[in-house]
Amino acid sequence: MVPDVLNRILASGAIVLDGGLGTELERHGSDLSDPLWSARLLVEDPEAIVATHLAYFRAGAHVATTASYQATFEGFAARGISGGQAADLLRRSVELASEARRRAIAELAVADPASAPPLLVAASIGPYGAMLADGSEYSGDYGLTVAELRDFHRRRLEVLASTDADILAFETVPSVAEGRALVELLEEHPDAIAWLSFSCRDGAHTRRGERIEEAFDLARDAPGIVAIGINCTEPVYVDELIRRAADRTNLPVIAYPNGGERWDATGRRWYGPGSEDIPGKVGGWLDAGARIVGGCCRVGPETIGRIAAVAAATGGD
């Protein structure tokens, strides 16, 4: 069941997500040359995270996605951070996004808080490969079983599900096995809800190479999953993927691609043409069945602002 707060936004148009958190932090000078990536700033510069969330809210996003994508107990342990401290940092990621929301509502509401639009916090749970920081999140080739993936994600999910986040974001999932592990773990938290979004190699397959329909079908009989779709995928494939998702589910379809470039894990850089006109494609994505749209890596507040304008023009039609 789609929660009331999501339905309230959907009633007046599409839900607009934020864009890339890590790449926007880098654009403003943060050094993320670290396996912890944006999670490093949970320790070193939390105010930079708040400012970036706030920039996306100001641009028109309805959702702030936390700086926990690459935050794991294992990754923090490698930096000498204890399990208790790691749990506190995961909770801090939600607190920082919530603080940005508080500031945004104060700005948007002016004298009447009731006039502010609903703004949400999504607690990001990235794939196993994000912790490895070797690019394997774009292949899903870990050699782990579903049970092993469940064990890896369990503690982080448990902490984030206990926070005040409105929704969990299972994102950039590269394989059916990892998607299944996350869906099964969600059943351990019957009060939690999540979206499930896959990263795809083309318009028909996960990064691991499975048929995307097999991945989307994981949402069947999974009451905690309230939206399904794709992210961190090249925009050229999004139309077809949205149609495939809409054919498999009645849930809201979510689409937030990257900027069209590809990640070189060895050189730690993005390469390729990029700069695709994502806002120019959003109308077609909404026509194809998407209800939740935004951006991922290399998509900043200016682009999210243009996406928000397109989404508002739909008027919920």
Protein backbone atom coordinates (compact mmCIF):
# COMPACT_ATOMS: atom_id res chain seq x y z
CA MET A 1 0.00 0.00 0.00
CA VAL A 2 1.35 3.44 -0.94
CA PRO A 3 1.46 5.59 2.22
CA ASP A 4 -0.76 8.64 2.54
CA VAL A 5 2.09 11.14 2.40
CA LEU A 6 3.20 9.83 -1.01
CA ASN A 7 -0.37 9.80 -2.27
CA ARG A 8 -0.82 13.44 -1.24
CA ILE A 9 2.11 14.48 -3.41
CA LEU A 10 1.09 12.22 -6.28
CA ALA A 11 -2.39 13.74 -6.25
CA SER A 12 -0.93 17.07 -7.40
CA GLY A 13 1.73 15.73 -9.77
CA ALA A 14 4.78 13.51 -9.78
CA ILE A 15 7.07 13.12 -6.79
CA VAL A 16 10.45 14.78 -7.46
CA LEU A 17 13.55 13.24 -5.94
CA ASP A 18 16.86 14.97 -5.35
CA GLY A 19 19.94 14.43 -7.51
CA GLY A 20 23.43 13.10 -6.85
CA LEU A 21 24.59 13.88 -3.33
CA GLY A 22 28.23 12.81 -3.62
CA THR A 23 28.86 14.37 -7.01
CA GLU A 24 27.26 17.64 -5.90
CA LEU A 25 29.42 17.71 -2.77
CA GLU A 26 32.47 17.20 -4.99
CA ARG A 27 31.36 20.02 -7.27
CA HIS A 28 31.44 22.34 -4.27
CA GLY A 29 34.95 21.29 -3.27
CA SER A 30 34.49 18.35 -0.90
CA ASP A 31 37.25 15.75 -1.19
CA LEU A 32 35.56 12.36 -1.57
CA SER A 33 38.63 10.42 -2.70
CA ASP A 34 37.99 7.84 -0.02
CA PRO A 35 36.25 4.44 0.06
CA LEU A 36 33.61 6.01 2.32
CA TRP A 37 32.76 8.55 -0.41
CA SER A 38 30.05 10.96 0.80
CA ALA A 39 29.75 9.05 4.11
CA ARG A 40 33.18 10.48 4.98
CA LEU A 41 31.53 13.87 5.49
CA LEU A 42 29.23 12.46 8.16
CA VAL A 43 32.38 12.61 10.28
CA GLU A 44 34.28 15.52 8.77
CA ASP A 45 31.79 18.07 7.42
CA PRO A 46 28.15 17.36 8.26
CA GLU A 47 27.10 20.93 7.49
CA ALA A 48 28.14 20.43 3.85
CA ILE A 49 25.67 17.54 3.67
CA VAL A 50 22.87 19.69 5.13
CA ALA A 51 23.63 22.46 2.64
CA THR A 52 23.47 20.06 -0.31
CA HIS A 53 20.18 18.54 0.82
CA LEU A 54 18.81 22.05 1.26
CA ALA A 55 19.90 23.06 -2.25
CA TYR A 56 17.84 20.21 -3.68
CA PHE A 57 14.79 21.11 -1.59
CA ARG A 58 15.11 24.72 -2.76
CA ALA A 59 15.25 23.49 -6.34
CA GLY A 60 11.89 21.74 -5.95
CA ALA A 61 12.71 18.23 -4.73
CA HIS A 62 10.21 16.56 -2.43
CA VAL A 63 12.74 14.03 -1.09
CA ALA A 64 16.21 14.21 0.47
CA THR A 65 18.14 10.94 0.18
CA THR A 66 20.58 10.49 3.06
CA ALA A 67 24.38 10.26 2.94
CA SER A 68 24.28 6.60 3.94
CA TYR A 69 24.57 5.01 0.48
CA GLN A 70 28.18 4.02 1.09
CA ALA A 71 27.99 3.99 4.90
CA THR A 72 28.41 0.46 6.23
CA PHE A 73 29.65 -1.10 9.44
CA GLU A 74 32.42 -2.82 7.48
CA GLY A 75 33.49 0.37 5.73
CA PHE A 76 33.56 2.36 8.94
CA ALA A 77 35.46 -0.43 10.73
CA ALA A 78 38.20 -0.20 8.10
CA ARG A 79 38.62 3.42 9.17
CA GLY A 80 38.86 2.50 12.87
CA ILE A 81 35.27 3.51 13.66
CA SER A 82 33.55 1.22 16.15
CA GLY A 83 30.20 -0.45 15.60
CA GLY A 84 28.49 1.88 18.06
CA GLN A 85 29.99 4.94 16.38
CA ALA A 86 28.99 3.61 12.97
CA ALA A 87 25.38 3.21 14.11
CA ASP A 88 25.45 6.79 15.41
CA LEU A 89 26.76 8.02 12.04
CA LEU A 90 24.01 6.18 10.20
CA ARG A 91 21.47 7.86 12.44
CA ARG A 92 23.26 11.17 11.88
CA SER A 93 22.70 10.84 8.11
CA VAL A 94 18.95 10.90 8.75
CA GLU A 95 19.25 13.74 11.25
CA LEU A 96 21.14 15.88 8.72
CA ALA A 97 18.54 15.34 6.02
CA SER A 98 15.82 16.10 8.55
CA GLU A 99 17.57 19.32 9.52
CA ALA A 100 17.70 20.35 5.86
CA ARG A 101 13.98 19.61 5.61
CA ARG A 102 13.30 21.74 8.71
CA ARG A 103 15.17 24.67 7.17
CA ALA A 104 13.44 24.21 3.81
CA ILE A 105 9.99 24.15 5.39
CA ALA A 106 10.84 27.29 7.36
CA GLU A 107 11.79 29.01 4.09
CA LEU A 108 8.91 27.69 2.01
CA ALA A 109 6.15 28.13 4.56
CA VAL A 110 6.99 31.75 5.37
CA ALA A 111 4.26 32.67 7.90
CA ASP A 112 2.06 29.61 7.41
CA PRO A 113 3.73 26.24 8.09
CA ALA A 114 0.65 24.42 6.81
CA SER A 115 1.28 25.86 3.35
CA ALA A 116 4.62 24.07 2.95
CA PRO A 117 4.62 21.08 0.58
CA PRO A 118 5.22 17.62 2.07
CA LEU A 119 8.96 16.97 2.17
CA LEU A 120 10.35 13.51 2.88
CA VAL A 121 13.60 11.91 4.05
CA ALA A 122 14.68 8.67 2.36
CA ALA A 123 17.37 6.60 4.10
CA SER A 124 19.71 5.34 1.40
CA ILE A 125 20.85 1.71 1.42
CA GLY A 126 23.29 1.13 -1.40
CA PRO A 127 24.50 -2.24 -2.71
CA TYR A 128 27.28 -4.41 -1.34
CA GLY A 129 29.58 -3.22 -4.11
CA ALA A 130 29.40 0.37 -2.89
CA MET A 131 31.28 -0.68 0.24
CA LEU A 132 34.00 -2.30 -1.90
CA ALA A 133 34.52 0.99 -3.78
CA ASP A 134 35.90 -0.93 -6.77
CA GLY A 135 33.10 -0.40 -9.27
CA SER A 136 31.48 -3.79 -8.65
CA GLU A 137 28.21 -2.10 -7.76
CA TYR A 138 27.94 -1.70 -11.55
CA SER A 139 28.30 -5.43 -12.16
CA GLY A 140 26.86 -7.18 -9.11
CA ASP A 141 29.54 -9.81 -9.56
CA TYR A 142 30.26 -10.47 -5.88
CA GLY A 143 30.09 -14.25 -5.66
CA LEU A 144 27.81 -13.98 -2.61
CA THR A 145 24.62 -15.88 -1.89
CA VAL A 146 21.30 -14.26 -1.03
CA ALA A 147 21.83 -15.32 2.58
CA GLU A 148 25.27 -13.70 2.68
CA LEU A 149 23.88 -10.50 1.21
CA ARG A 150 21.12 -10.49 3.81
CA ASP A 151 23.73 -10.81 6.54
CA PHE A 152 25.72 -7.91 5.12
CA HIS A 153 22.75 -5.54 4.92
CA ARG A 154 20.99 -6.58 8.15
CA ARG A 155 22.61 -4.29 10.75
CA ARG A 156 22.52 -1.18 8.58
CA LEU A 157 18.89 -1.75 7.62
CA GLU A 158 17.99 -2.36 11.26
CA VAL A 159 19.53 0.97 12.32
CA LEU A 160 18.02 3.02 9.50
CA ALA A 161 14.59 1.42 9.87
CA SER A 162 14.59 2.56 13.52
CA THR A 163 15.13 6.24 12.62
CA ASP A 164 12.60 8.92 11.73
CA ALA A 165 13.24 8.48 7.99
CA ASP A 166 9.97 8.36 6.05
CA ILE A 167 11.11 5.64 3.69
CA LEU A 168 14.11 3.42 2.95
CA ALA A 169 15.76 3.71 -0.46
CA PHE A 170 17.11 0.39 -1.73
CA GLU A 171 19.00 1.87 -4.63
CA THR A 172 21.50 1.09 -7.38
CA VAL A 173 20.76 -2.60 -6.86
CA PRO A 174 22.67 -4.46 -9.59
CA SER A 175 21.18 -7.95 -9.38
CA VAL A 176 18.10 -9.98 -8.61
CA ALA A 177 19.95 -11.76 -5.78
CA GLU A 178 20.69 -8.52 -3.94
CA GLY A 179 17.18 -7.24 -4.57
CA ARG A 180 15.78 -10.46 -3.11
CA ALA A 181 18.02 -10.16 -0.06
CA LEU A 182 16.78 -6.63 0.63
CA VAL A 183 13.12 -7.52 0.12
CA GLU A 184 13.46 -10.47 2.49
CA LEU A 185 15.17 -8.31 5.11
CA LEU A 186 12.39 -5.74 4.89
CA GLU A 187 9.98 -8.43 6.07
CA GLU A 188 11.82 -8.35 9.41
CA HIS A 189 10.60 -4.75 9.83
CA PRO A 190 6.85 -4.79 9.18
CA ASP A 191 6.47 -1.08 10.02
CA ALA A 192 9.08 0.02 7.47
CA ILE A 193 8.52 0.86 3.82
CA ALA A 194 11.02 1.12 0.97
CA TRP A 195 11.43 1.77 -2.69
CA LEU A 196 13.47 -0.70 -4.74
CA SER A 197 15.44 0.62 -7.69
CA PHE A 198 17.81 -1.28 -9.94
CA SER A 199 20.82 -0.13 -11.91
CA CYS A 200 20.66 -1.44 -15.49
CA ARG A 201 23.14 -2.12 -18.28
CA ASP A 202 20.57 -1.47 -21.04
CA GLY A 203 16.82 -1.22 -21.53
CA ALA A 204 16.11 -4.82 -20.62
CA HIS A 205 18.68 -6.16 -18.13
CA THR A 206 20.10 -5.54 -14.68
CA ARG A 207 23.79 -4.76 -14.39
CA ARG A 208 24.25 -8.45 -13.60
CA GLY A 209 22.57 -9.37 -16.89
CA GLU A 210 19.23 -10.77 -15.67
CA ARG A 211 15.97 -9.83 -17.36
CA ILE A 212 14.71 -6.72 -15.64
CA GLU A 213 11.22 -8.22 -15.36
CA GLU A 214 12.64 -10.81 -12.97
CA ALA A 215 13.92 -7.98 -10.81
CA PHE A 216 10.67 -6.00 -10.90
CA ASP A 217 8.70 -9.10 -9.96
CA LEU A 218 10.38 -9.08 -6.54
CA ALA A 219 7.87 -6.39 -5.53
CA ARG A 220 5.03 -8.90 -5.84
CA ASP A 221 3.85 -10.09 -2.43
CA ALA A 222 6.25 -7.64 -0.76
CA PRO A 223 3.94 -5.29 1.17
CA GLY A 224 6.77 -3.07 2.39
CA ILE A 225 7.86 -2.13 -1.15
CA VAL A 226 5.86 0.95 -2.18
CA ALA A 227 7.63 1.92 -5.42
CA ILE A 228 9.88 0.15 -7.91
CA GLY A 229 12.06 1.21 -10.80
CA ILE A 230 15.56 2.17 -11.84
CA ASN A 231 18.38 4.55 -10.97
CA CYS A 232 22.03 5.28 -11.83
CA THR A 233 21.32 4.08 -15.35
CA GLU A 234 22.04 5.94 -18.56
CA PRO A 235 19.05 8.12 -19.50
CA VAL A 236 18.83 6.65 -23.01
CA TYR A 237 17.46 3.40 -21.54
CA VAL A 238 14.95 4.88 -19.13
CA ASP A 239 11.86 5.04 -21.37
CA GLU A 240 11.97 1.33 -22.11
CA LEU A 241 12.70 0.39 -18.51
CA ILE A 242 9.77 2.44 -17.23
CA ARG A 243 7.43 0.70 -19.65
CA ARG A 244 8.71 -2.69 -18.55
CA ALA A 245 8.17 -1.76 -14.90
CA ALA A 246 4.67 -0.41 -15.53
CA ASP A 247 3.76 -3.68 -17.27
CA ARG A 248 4.75 -5.70 -14.19
CA THR A 249 3.33 -3.72 -11.27
CA ASN A 250 0.64 -1.31 -10.13
CA LEU A 251 3.09 0.38 -7.78
CA PRO A 252 4.40 3.87 -8.57
CA VAL A 253 7.34 3.55 -10.97
CA ILE A 254 10.49 5.40 -9.97
CA ALA A 255 13.19 6.67 -12.36
CA TYR A 256 16.28 8.68 -11.45
CA PRO A 257 19.11 8.12 -13.92
CA ASN A 258 22.65 9.39 -13.82
CA GLY A 259 23.84 12.14 -16.11
CA GLY A 260 24.77 9.75 -18.91
CA GLU A 261 28.43 9.28 -18.06
CA ARG A 262 30.14 6.09 -16.86
CA TRP A 263 32.22 5.49 -13.74
CA ASP A 264 35.87 4.46 -14.00
CA ALA A 265 36.53 2.81 -10.64
CA THR A 266 40.28 2.55 -11.24
CA GLY A 267 40.75 6.18 -12.14
CA ARG A 268 37.92 7.25 -9.84
CA ARG A 269 36.39 9.51 -12.46
CA TRP A 270 33.34 9.83 -14.67
CA TYR A 271 33.86 9.66 -18.42
CA GLY A 272 31.83 9.75 -21.60
CA PRO A 273 29.60 12.35 -23.25
CA GLY A 274 27.11 12.91 -20.41
CA SER A 275 25.12 16.14 -20.37
CA GLU A 276 21.97 14.47 -21.68
CA ASP A 277 18.85 16.65 -21.55
CA ILE A 278 17.18 14.79 -18.72
CA PRO A 279 14.46 17.41 -18.10
CA GLY A 280 13.58 17.21 -21.80
CA LYS A 281 12.96 13.48 -21.38
CA VAL A 282 10.89 13.65 -18.19
CA GLY A 283 7.59 14.33 -19.95
CA GLY A 284 8.04 11.11 -21.91
CA TRP A 285 8.92 9.22 -18.74
CA LEU A 286 5.73 10.43 -17.07
CA ASP A 287 3.74 9.43 -20.15
CA ALA A 288 5.37 5.99 -20.02
CA GLY A 289 4.20 5.47 -16.45
CA ALA A 290 6.77 7.01 -14.10
CA ARG A 291 5.33 8.71 -11.02
CA ILE A 292 8.54 9.42 -9.11
CA VAL A 293 11.41 11.11 -11.00
CA GLY A 294 14.75 12.71 -10.22
CA GLY A 295 18.44 12.22 -10.80
CA CYS A 296 21.45 10.29 -9.57
CA CYS A 297 25.18 10.82 -10.07
CA ARG A 298 26.16 14.01 -11.95
CA VAL A 299 22.62 15.42 -11.76
CA GLY A 300 22.61 18.64 -9.71
CA PRO A 301 20.06 21.09 -8.28
CA GLU A 302 19.71 23.11 -11.48
CA THR A 303 18.62 20.01 -13.38
CA ILE A 304 16.32 18.94 -10.53
CA GLY A 305 14.71 22.37 -10.69
CA ARG A 306 13.92 21.87 -14.36
CA ILE A 307 12.61 18.36 -13.66
CA ALA A 308 10.37 19.81 -10.92
CA ALA A 309 8.95 22.33 -13.38
CA VAL A 310 8.06 19.55 -15.82
CA ALA A 311 6.52 17.46 -13.05
CA ALA A 312 4.46 20.38 -11.78
CA ALA A 313 3.13 20.99 -15.27
CA THR A 314 1.61 17.51 -15.31
CA GLY A 315 -0.82 18.57 -12.61
CA GLY A 316 -1.37 14.97 -11.60
CA ASP A 317 -2.85 14.06 -15.00
